[in-house]
Full PDB file with SEQRES, HELIX, SHEET, SSBOND, CRYST1, ORIGX, SCALE, CONECT and MASTER records, all heavy atoms in Angstrom:
SEQRES   1 A   32  LEU ARG TYR LEU ASP HIS ARG GLN SER SER ILE LYS GLU          
SEQRES   2 A   32  ARG LEU SER ALA LEU GLN ARG GLU ALA ASP GLU ALA GLN          
SEQRES   3 A   32  ASN ALA LEU ARG LYS THR                                      
HELIX    1 AA1 ARG A    2  LYS A   31  1                                  30    
CRYST1    1.000    1.000    1.000  90.00  90.00  90.00 P 1           1          
ORIGX1      1.000000  0.000000  0.000000        0.00000                         
ORIGX2      0.000000  1.000000  0.000000        0.00000                         
ORIGX3      0.000000  0.000000  1.000000        0.00000                         
SCALE1      1.000000  0.000000  0.000000        0.00000                         
SCALE2      0.000000  1.000000  0.000000        0.00000                         
SCALE3      0.000000  0.000000  1.000000        0.00000                         
ATOM      1  N   LEU A   1     126.077 150.278 126.034  1.00  0.00           N  
ATOM      2  CA  LEU A   1     125.207 150.726 127.118  1.00  0.00           C  
ATOM      3  C   LEU A   1     124.060 151.584 126.583  1.00  0.00           C  
ATOM      4  O   LEU A   1     122.926 151.468 127.053  1.00  0.00           O  
ATOM      5  CB  LEU A   1     126.004 151.496 128.167  1.00  0.00           C  
ATOM      6  CG  LEU A   1     125.255 151.877 129.431  1.00  0.00           C  
ATOM      7  CD1 LEU A   1     124.746 150.629 130.156  1.00  0.00           C  
ATOM      8  CD2 LEU A   1     126.140 152.687 130.359  1.00  0.00           C  
ATOM      9  N   ARG A   2     124.353 152.415 125.577  1.00  0.00           N  
ATOM     10  CA  ARG A   2     123.281 153.202 124.962  1.00  0.00           C  
ATOM     11  C   ARG A   2     122.255 152.291 124.303  1.00  0.00           C  
ATOM     12  O   ARG A   2     121.055 152.544 124.367  1.00  0.00           O  
ATOM     13  CB  ARG A   2     123.857 154.192 123.948  1.00  0.00           C  
ATOM     14  CG  ARG A   2     124.552 155.377 124.576  1.00  0.00           C  
ATOM     15  CD  ARG A   2     124.874 156.443 123.545  1.00  0.00           C  
ATOM     16  NE  ARG A   2     125.707 155.955 122.460  1.00  0.00           N  
ATOM     17  CZ  ARG A   2     127.032 155.986 122.444  1.00  0.00           C  
ATOM     18  NH1 ARG A   2     127.687 156.507 123.467  1.00  0.00           N  
ATOM     19  NH2 ARG A   2     127.715 155.530 121.423  1.00  0.00           N  
ATOM     20  N   TYR A   3     122.735 151.227 123.682  1.00  0.00           N  
ATOM     21  CA  TYR A   3     121.839 150.253 123.071  1.00  0.00           C  
ATOM     22  C   TYR A   3     120.939 149.620 124.134  1.00  0.00           C  
ATOM     23  O   TYR A   3     119.727 149.505 123.947  1.00  0.00           O  
ATOM     24  CB  TYR A   3     122.640 149.169 122.346  1.00  0.00           C  
ATOM     25  CG  TYR A   3     121.848 147.942 122.011  1.00  0.00           C  
ATOM     26  CD1 TYR A   3     120.945 147.937 120.952  1.00  0.00           C  
ATOM     27  CD2 TYR A   3     121.978 146.780 122.774  1.00  0.00           C  
ATOM     28  CE1 TYR A   3     120.199 146.813 120.651  1.00  0.00           C  
ATOM     29  CE2 TYR A   3     121.235 145.649 122.484  1.00  0.00           C  
ATOM     30  CZ  TYR A   3     120.354 145.669 121.425  1.00  0.00           C  
ATOM     31  OH  TYR A   3     119.626 144.548 121.127  1.00  0.00           O  
ATOM     32  N   LEU A   4     121.536 149.222 125.254  1.00  0.00           N  
ATOM     33  CA  LEU A   4     120.752 148.623 126.329  1.00  0.00           C  
ATOM     34  C   LEU A   4     119.723 149.608 126.884  1.00  0.00           C  
ATOM     35  O   LEU A   4     118.578 149.239 127.149  1.00  0.00           O  
ATOM     36  CB  LEU A   4     121.664 148.125 127.449  1.00  0.00           C  
ATOM     37  CG  LEU A   4     122.527 146.905 127.145  1.00  0.00           C  
ATOM     38  CD1 LEU A   4     123.421 146.583 128.339  1.00  0.00           C  
ATOM     39  CD2 LEU A   4     121.678 145.711 126.786  1.00  0.00           C  
ATOM     40  N   ASP A   5     120.130 150.855 127.057  1.00  0.00           N  
ATOM     41  CA  ASP A   5     119.197 151.868 127.553  1.00  0.00           C  
ATOM     42  C   ASP A   5     118.034 152.072 126.585  1.00  0.00           C  
ATOM     43  O   ASP A   5     116.878 152.207 127.006  1.00  0.00           O  
ATOM     44  CB  ASP A   5     119.917 153.197 127.790  1.00  0.00           C  
ATOM     45  CG  ASP A   5     120.822 153.167 129.007  1.00  0.00           C  
ATOM     46  OD1 ASP A   5     120.625 152.274 129.863  1.00  0.00           O  
ATOM     47  OD2 ASP A   5     121.723 154.019 129.086  1.00  0.00           O  
ATOM     48  N   HIS A   6     118.351 152.098 125.294  1.00  0.00           N  
ATOM     49  CA  HIS A   6     117.295 152.268 124.285  1.00  0.00           C  
ATOM     50  C   HIS A   6     116.333 151.078 124.311  1.00  0.00           C  
ATOM     51  O   HIS A   6     115.115 151.259 124.261  1.00  0.00           O  
ATOM     52  CB  HIS A   6     117.909 152.423 122.898  1.00  0.00           C  
ATOM     53  CG  HIS A   6     116.889 152.459 121.802  1.00  0.00           C  
ATOM     54  ND1 HIS A   6     116.059 153.527 121.615  1.00  0.00           N  
ATOM     55  CD2 HIS A   6     116.563 151.536 120.863  1.00  0.00           C  
ATOM     56  CE1 HIS A   6     115.256 153.273 120.594  1.00  0.00           C  
ATOM     57  NE2 HIS A   6     115.537 152.066 120.129  1.00  0.00           N  
ATOM     58  N   ARG A   7     116.859 149.875 124.404  1.00  0.00           N  
ATOM     59  CA  ARG A   7     116.016 148.672 124.465  1.00  0.00           C  
ATOM     60  C   ARG A   7     115.141 148.705 125.716  1.00  0.00           C  
ATOM     61  O   ARG A   7     113.962 148.382 125.658  1.00  0.00           O  
ATOM     62  CB  ARG A   7     116.876 147.397 124.475  1.00  0.00           C  
ATOM     63  CG  ARG A   7     117.578 147.103 123.187  1.00  0.00           C  
ATOM     64  CD  ARG A   7     116.654 146.576 122.119  1.00  0.00           C  
ATOM     65  NE  ARG A   7     116.068 145.315 122.556  1.00  0.00           N  
ATOM     66  CZ  ARG A   7     114.816 144.948 122.290  1.00  0.00           C  
ATOM     67  NH1 ARG A   7     114.047 145.708 121.584  1.00  0.00           N  
ATOM     68  NH2 ARG A   7     114.349 143.799 122.725  1.00  0.00           N  
ATOM     69  N   GLN A   8     115.719 149.100 126.839  1.00  0.00           N  
ATOM     70  CA  GLN A   8     114.937 149.166 128.073  1.00  0.00           C  
ATOM     71  C   GLN A   8     113.799 150.177 127.952  1.00  0.00           C  
ATOM     72  O   GLN A   8     112.668 149.896 128.342  1.00  0.00           O  
ATOM     73  CB  GLN A   8     115.829 149.526 129.253  1.00  0.00           C  
ATOM     74  CG  GLN A   8     116.727 148.407 129.710  1.00  0.00           C  
ATOM     75  CD  GLN A   8     117.658 148.828 130.840  1.00  0.00           C  
ATOM     76  OE1 GLN A   8     117.642 149.973 131.285  1.00  0.00           O  
ATOM     77  NE2 GLN A   8     118.469 147.893 131.307  1.00  0.00           N  
ATOM     78  N   SER A   9     114.096 151.330 127.398  1.00  0.00           N  
ATOM     79  CA  SER A   9     113.050 152.346 127.281  1.00  0.00           C  
ATOM     80  C   SER A   9     111.960 151.913 126.299  1.00  0.00           C  
ATOM     81  O   SER A   9     110.769 152.149 126.543  1.00  0.00           O  
ATOM     82  CB  SER A   9     113.638 153.693 126.878  1.00  0.00           C  
ATOM     83  OG  SER A   9     114.186 153.639 125.589  1.00  0.00           O  
ATOM     84  N   SER A  10     112.339 151.247 125.207  1.00  0.00           N  
ATOM     85  CA  SER A  10     111.321 150.803 124.261  1.00  0.00           C  
ATOM     86  C   SER A  10     110.461 149.692 124.858  1.00  0.00           C  
ATOM     87  O   SER A  10     109.253 149.646 124.626  1.00  0.00           O  
ATOM     88  CB  SER A  10     111.951 150.350 122.943  1.00  0.00           C  
ATOM     89  OG  SER A  10     112.746 149.204 123.125  1.00  0.00           O  
ATOM     90  N   ILE A  11     111.063 148.812 125.643  1.00  0.00           N  
ATOM     91  CA  ILE A  11     110.282 147.759 126.295  1.00  0.00           C  
ATOM     92  C   ILE A  11     109.345 148.367 127.335  1.00  0.00           C  
ATOM     93  O   ILE A  11     108.184 147.955 127.455  1.00  0.00           O  
ATOM     94  CB  ILE A  11     111.210 146.690 126.912  1.00  0.00           C  
ATOM     95  CG1 ILE A  11     111.843 145.847 125.805  1.00  0.00           C  
ATOM     96  CG2 ILE A  11     110.450 145.800 127.880  1.00  0.00           C  
ATOM     97  CD1 ILE A  11     112.855 144.835 126.286  1.00  0.00           C  
ATOM     98  N   LYS A  12     109.810 149.364 128.070  1.00  0.00           N  
ATOM     99  CA  LYS A  12     108.947 150.019 129.058  1.00  0.00           C  
ATOM    100  C   LYS A  12     107.761 150.705 128.387  1.00  0.00           C  
ATOM    101  O   LYS A  12     106.634 150.652 128.889  1.00  0.00           O  
ATOM    102  CB  LYS A  12     109.745 151.028 129.876  1.00  0.00           C  
ATOM    103  CG  LYS A  12     110.681 150.381 130.869  1.00  0.00           C  
ATOM    104  CD  LYS A  12     111.504 151.399 131.612  1.00  0.00           C  
ATOM    105  CE  LYS A  12     112.501 150.735 132.541  1.00  0.00           C  
ATOM    106  NZ  LYS A  12     113.372 151.692 133.219  1.00  0.00           N  
ATOM    107  N   GLU A  13     108.002 151.337 127.229  1.00  0.00           N  
ATOM    108  CA  GLU A  13     106.906 151.968 126.495  1.00  0.00           C  
ATOM    109  C   GLU A  13     105.905 150.920 126.023  1.00  0.00           C  
ATOM    110  O   GLU A  13     104.691 151.122 126.113  1.00  0.00           O  
ATOM    111  CB  GLU A  13     107.447 152.750 125.302  1.00  0.00           C  
ATOM    112  CG  GLU A  13     108.197 153.996 125.668  1.00  0.00           C  
ATOM    113  CD  GLU A  13     108.870 154.651 124.470  1.00  0.00           C  
ATOM    114  OE1 GLU A  13     108.571 154.249 123.313  1.00  0.00           O  
ATOM    115  OE2 GLU A  13     109.695 155.546 124.678  1.00  0.00           O  
ATOM    116  N   ARG A  14     106.409 149.815 125.510  1.00  0.00           N  
ATOM    117  CA  ARG A  14     105.537 148.739 125.037  1.00  0.00           C  
ATOM    118  C   ARG A  14     104.747 148.136 126.211  1.00  0.00           C  
ATOM    119  O   ARG A  14     103.564 147.820 126.072  1.00  0.00           O  
ATOM    120  CB  ARG A  14     106.361 147.662 124.329  1.00  0.00           C  
ATOM    121  CG  ARG A  14     105.564 146.515 123.803  1.00  0.00           C  
ATOM    122  CD  ARG A  14     104.657 146.929 122.662  1.00  0.00           C  
ATOM    123  NE  ARG A  14     103.911 145.780 122.209  1.00  0.00           N  
ATOM    124  CZ  ARG A  14     102.641 145.813 121.876  1.00  0.00           C  
ATOM    125  NH1 ARG A  14     101.999 146.948 121.869  1.00  0.00           N  
ATOM    126  NH2 ARG A  14     102.025 144.719 121.490  1.00  0.00           N  
ATOM    127  N   LEU A  15     105.389 148.003 127.359  1.00  0.00           N  
ATOM    128  CA  LEU A  15     104.696 147.483 128.538  1.00  0.00           C  
ATOM    129  C   LEU A  15     103.550 148.395 128.961  1.00  0.00           C  
ATOM    130  O   LEU A  15     102.463 147.916 129.307  1.00  0.00           O  
ATOM    131  CB  LEU A  15     105.675 147.302 129.699  1.00  0.00           C  
ATOM    132  CG  LEU A  15     106.524 146.040 129.690  1.00  0.00           C  
ATOM    133  CD1 LEU A  15     107.584 146.109 130.779  1.00  0.00           C  
ATOM    134  CD2 LEU A  15     105.659 144.817 129.859  1.00  0.00           C  
ATOM    135  N   SER A  16     103.782 149.695 128.927  1.00  0.00           N  
ATOM    136  CA  SER A  16     102.706 150.614 129.318  1.00  0.00           C  
ATOM    137  C   SER A  16     101.558 150.568 128.304  1.00  0.00           C  
ATOM    138  O   SER A  16     100.387 150.625 128.687  1.00  0.00           O  
ATOM    139  CB  SER A  16     103.232 152.030 129.498  1.00  0.00           C  
ATOM    140  OG  SER A  16     103.689 152.563 128.281  1.00  0.00           O  
ATOM    141  N   ALA A  17     101.892 150.432 127.012  1.00  0.00           N  
ATOM    142  CA  ALA A  17     100.842 150.314 126.001  1.00  0.00           C  
ATOM    143  C   ALA A  17     100.050 149.013 126.189  1.00  0.00           C  
ATOM    144  O   ALA A  17      98.816 149.002 126.079  1.00  0.00           O  
ATOM    145  CB  ALA A  17     101.453 150.358 124.603  1.00  0.00           C  
ATOM    146  N   LEU A  18     100.748 147.940 126.496  1.00  0.00           N  
ATOM    147  CA  LEU A  18     100.068 146.668 126.731  1.00  0.00           C  
ATOM    148  C   LEU A  18      99.210 146.716 127.990  1.00  0.00           C  
ATOM    149  O   LEU A  18      98.136 146.118 128.034  1.00  0.00           O  
ATOM    150  CB  LEU A  18     101.084 145.531 126.839  1.00  0.00           C  
ATOM    151  CG  LEU A  18     101.667 145.025 125.525  1.00  0.00           C  
ATOM    152  CD1 LEU A  18     102.787 144.035 125.795  1.00  0.00           C  
ATOM    153  CD2 LEU A  18     100.596 144.387 124.668  1.00  0.00           C  
ATOM    154  N   GLN A  19      99.672 147.431 128.992  1.00  0.00           N  
ATOM    155  CA  GLN A  19      98.876 147.559 130.215  1.00  0.00           C  
ATOM    156  C   GLN A  19      97.585 148.313 129.928  1.00  0.00           C  
ATOM    157  O   GLN A  19      96.525 147.947 130.450  1.00  0.00           O  
ATOM    158  CB  GLN A  19      99.681 148.260 131.312  1.00  0.00           C  
ATOM    159  CG  GLN A  19      99.030 148.215 132.660  1.00  0.00           C  
ATOM    160  CD  GLN A  19      98.804 146.800 133.156  1.00  0.00           C  
ATOM    161  OE1 GLN A  19      99.711 145.973 133.107  1.00  0.00           O  
ATOM    162  NE2 GLN A  19      97.609 146.509 133.618  1.00  0.00           N  
ATOM    163  N   ARG A  20      97.670 149.346 129.086  1.00  0.00           N  
ATOM    164  CA  ARG A  20      96.451 150.065 128.701  1.00  0.00           C  
ATOM    165  C   ARG A  20      95.510 149.133 127.934  1.00  0.00           C  
ATOM    166  O   ARG A  20      94.293 149.146 128.157  1.00  0.00           O  
ATOM    167  CB  ARG A  20      96.790 151.289 127.864  1.00  0.00           C  
ATOM    168  CG  ARG A  20      97.353 152.441 128.671  1.00  0.00           C  
ATOM    169  CD  ARG A  20      97.434 153.712 127.856  1.00  0.00           C  
ATOM    170  NE  ARG A  20      98.277 153.587 126.677  1.00  0.00           N  
ATOM    171  CZ  ARG A  20      99.591 153.791 126.650  1.00  0.00           C  
ATOM    172  NH1 ARG A  20     100.224 154.134 127.752  1.00  0.00           N  
ATOM    173  NH2 ARG A  20     100.272 153.670 125.522  1.00  0.00           N  
ATOM    174  N   GLU A  21      96.067 148.316 127.026  1.00  0.00           N  
ATOM    175  CA  GLU A  21      95.243 147.360 126.284  1.00  0.00           C  
ATOM    176  C   GLU A  21      94.590 146.356 127.229  1.00  0.00           C  
ATOM    177  O   GLU A  21      93.428 145.988 127.053  1.00  0.00           O  
ATOM    178  CB  GLU A  21      96.093 146.603 125.258  1.00  0.00           C  
ATOM    179  CG  GLU A  21      96.404 147.368 124.009  1.00  0.00           C  
ATOM    180  CD  GLU A  21      97.171 146.518 123.003  1.00  0.00           C  
ATOM    181  OE1 GLU A  21      96.808 145.341 122.803  1.00  0.00           O  
ATOM    182  OE2 GLU A  21      98.130 147.031 122.427  1.00  0.00           O  
ATOM    183  N   ALA A  22      95.352 145.892 128.211  1.00  0.00           N  
ATOM    184  CA  ALA A  22      94.813 144.936 129.180  1.00  0.00           C  
ATOM    185  C   ALA A  22      93.679 145.569 129.977  1.00  0.00           C  
ATOM    186  O   ALA A  22      92.655 144.918 130.236  1.00  0.00           O  
ATOM    187  CB  ALA A  22      95.911 144.439 130.109  1.00  0.00           C  
ATOM    188  N   ASP A  23      93.840 146.821 130.356  1.00  0.00           N  
ATOM    189  CA  ASP A  23      92.775 147.518 131.087  1.00  0.00           C  
ATOM    190  C   ASP A  23      91.511 147.632 130.240  1.00  0.00           C  
ATOM    191  O   ASP A  23      90.399 147.417 130.720  1.00  0.00           O  
ATOM    192  CB  ASP A  23      93.237 148.901 131.536  1.00  0.00           C  
ATOM    193  CG  ASP A  23      94.309 148.849 132.608  1.00  0.00           C  
ATOM    194  OD1 ASP A  23      94.447 147.787 133.262  1.00  0.00           O  
ATOM    195  OD2 ASP A  23      95.019 149.865 132.782  1.00  0.00           O  
ATOM    196  N   GLU A  24      91.698 147.972 128.949  1.00  0.00           N  
ATOM    197  CA  GLU A  24      90.553 148.072 128.042  1.00  0.00           C  
ATOM    198  C   GLU A  24      89.877 146.714 127.872  1.00  0.00           C  
ATOM    199  O   GLU A  24      88.644 146.625 127.848  1.00  0.00           O  
ATOM    200  CB  GLU A  24      90.995 148.616 126.684  1.00  0.00           C  
ATOM    201  CG  GLU A  24      91.422 150.062 126.713  1.00  0.00           C  
ATOM    202  CD  GLU A  24      92.050 150.515 125.404  1.00  0.00           C  
ATOM    203  OE1 GLU A  24      92.067 149.724 124.429  1.00  0.00           O  
ATOM    204  OE2 GLU A  24      92.530 151.653 125.347  1.00  0.00           O  
ATOM    205  N   ALA A  25      90.673 145.658 127.737  1.00  0.00           N  
ATOM    206  CA  ALA A  25      90.113 144.317 127.576  1.00  0.00           C  
ATOM    207  C   ALA A  25      89.352 143.895 128.831  1.00  0.00           C  
ATOM    208  O   ALA A  25      88.285 143.275 128.736  1.00  0.00           O  
ATOM    209  CB  ALA A  25      91.226 143.315 127.255  1.00  0.00           C  
ATOM    210  N   GLN A  26      89.882 144.226 130.008  1.00  0.00           N  
ATOM    211  CA  GLN A  26      89.176 143.898 131.253  1.00  0.00           C  
ATOM    212  C   GLN A  26      87.849 144.646 131.347  1.00  0.00           C  
ATOM    213  O   GLN A  26      86.840 144.081 131.770  1.00  0.00           O  
ATOM    214  CB  GLN A  26      90.046 144.223 132.456  1.00  0.00           C  
ATOM    215  CG  GLN A  26      91.153 143.235 132.689  1.00  0.00           C  
ATOM    216  CD  GLN A  26      92.046 143.626 133.857  1.00  0.00           C  
ATOM    217  OE1 GLN A  26      92.125 144.792 134.225  1.00  0.00           O  
ATOM    218  NE2 GLN A  26      92.739 142.645 134.413  1.00  0.00           N  
ATOM    219  N   ASN A  27      87.852 145.910 130.967  1.00  0.00           N  
ATOM    220  CA  ASN A  27      86.615 146.689 131.001  1.00  0.00           C  
ATOM    221  C   ASN A  27      85.582 146.114 130.041  1.00  0.00           C  
ATOM    222  O   ASN A  27      84.394 146.014 130.377  1.00  0.00           O  
ATOM    223  CB  ASN A  27      86.883 148.157 130.680  1.00  0.00           C  
ATOM    224  CG  ASN A  27      87.598 148.870 131.805  1.00  0.00           C  
ATOM    225  OD1 ASN A  27      87.505 148.470 132.954  1.00  0.00           O  
ATOM    226  ND2 ASN A  27      88.318 149.922 131.469  1.00  0.00           N  
ATOM    227  N   ALA A  28      86.017 145.742 128.843  1.00  0.00           N  
ATOM    228  CA  ALA A  28      85.100 145.155 127.870  1.00  0.00           C  
ATOM    229  C   ALA A  28      84.557 143.826 128.377  1.00  0.00           C  
ATOM    230  O   ALA A  28      83.367 143.509 128.205  1.00  0.00           O  
ATOM    231  CB  ALA A  28      85.808 144.963 126.535  1.00  0.00           C  
ATOM    232  N   LEU A  29      85.407 143.044 129.021  1.00  0.00           N  
ATOM    233  CA  LEU A  29      84.981 141.764 129.578  1.00  0.00           C  
ATOM    234  C   LEU A  29      83.959 141.970 130.692  1.00  0.00           C  
ATOM    235  O   LEU A  29      82.957 141.253 130.773  1.00  0.00           O  
ATOM    236  CB  LEU A  29      86.192 140.982 130.084  1.00  0.00           C  
ATOM    237  CG  LEU A  29      85.965 139.576 130.582  1.00  0.00           C  
ATOM    238  CD1 LEU A  29      85.349 138.704 129.498  1.00  0.00           C  
ATOM    239  CD2 LEU A  29      87.273 138.965 131.060  1.00  0.00           C  
ATOM    240  N   ARG A  30      84.183 142.957 131.529  1.00  0.00           N  
ATOM    241  CA  ARG A  30      83.214 143.258 132.591  1.00  0.00           C  
ATOM    242  C   ARG A  30      81.851 143.631 132.001  1.00  0.00           C  
ATOM    243  O   ARG A  30      80.806 143.207 132.498  1.00  0.00           O  
ATOM    244  CB  ARG A  30      83.721 144.405 133.462  1.00  0.00           C  
ATOM    245  CG  ARG A  30      84.725 143.982 134.483  1.00  0.00           C  
ATOM    246  CD  ARG A  30      85.035 145.122 135.465  1.00  0.00           C  
ATOM    247  NE  ARG A  30      86.332 144.909 136.031  1.00  0.00           N  
ATOM    248  CZ  ARG A  30      87.431 145.602 135.734  1.00  0.00           C  
ATOM    249  NH1 ARG A  30      87.380 146.601 134.900  1.00  0.00           N  
ATOM    250  NH2 ARG A  30      88.579 145.312 136.305  1.00  0.00           N  
ATOM    251  N   LYS A  31      81.877 144.442 130.944  1.00  0.00           N  
ATOM    252  CA  LYS A  31      80.620 144.843 130.306  1.00  0.00           C  
ATOM    253  C   LYS A  31      79.904 143.636 129.711  1.00  0.00           C  
ATOM    254  O   LYS A  31      78.677 143.537 129.799  1.00  0.00           O  
ATOM    255  CB  LYS A  31      80.895 145.884 129.216  1.00  0.00           C  
ATOM    256  CG  LYS A  31      81.291 147.231 129.752  1.00  0.00           C  
ATOM    257  CD  LYS A  31      81.590 148.194 128.632  1.00  0.00           C  
ATOM    258  CE  LYS A  31      82.087 149.529 129.173  1.00  0.00           C  
ATOM    259  NZ  LYS A  31      82.458 150.443 128.084  1.00  0.00           N  
ATOM    260  N   THR A  32      80.645 142.741 129.115  1.00  0.00           N  
ATOM    261  CA  THR A  32      80.040 141.551 128.523  1.00  0.00           C  
ATOM    262  C   THR A  32      79.422 140.673 129.608  1.00  0.00           C  
ATOM    263  O   THR A  32      78.303 140.186 129.463  1.00  0.00           O  
ATOM    264  CB  THR A  32      81.088 140.752 127.727  1.00  0.00           C  
ATOM    265  OG1 THR A  32      81.640 141.584 126.703  1.00  0.00           O  
ATOM    266  CG2 THR A  32      80.486 139.517 127.090  1.00  0.00           C  
TER     267      THR A  32                                                      
MASTER        0    0    0    1    0    0    0    6  266    1    0    3          
END                                                                             
């Protein structure tokens, strides 16, 4: 269960980082 919790938290962190990247990519696309 600790392993599953750790995997879930790491995936959530990666998702938030990817969401920030997606926001940056959308902003750059709008500027272009």
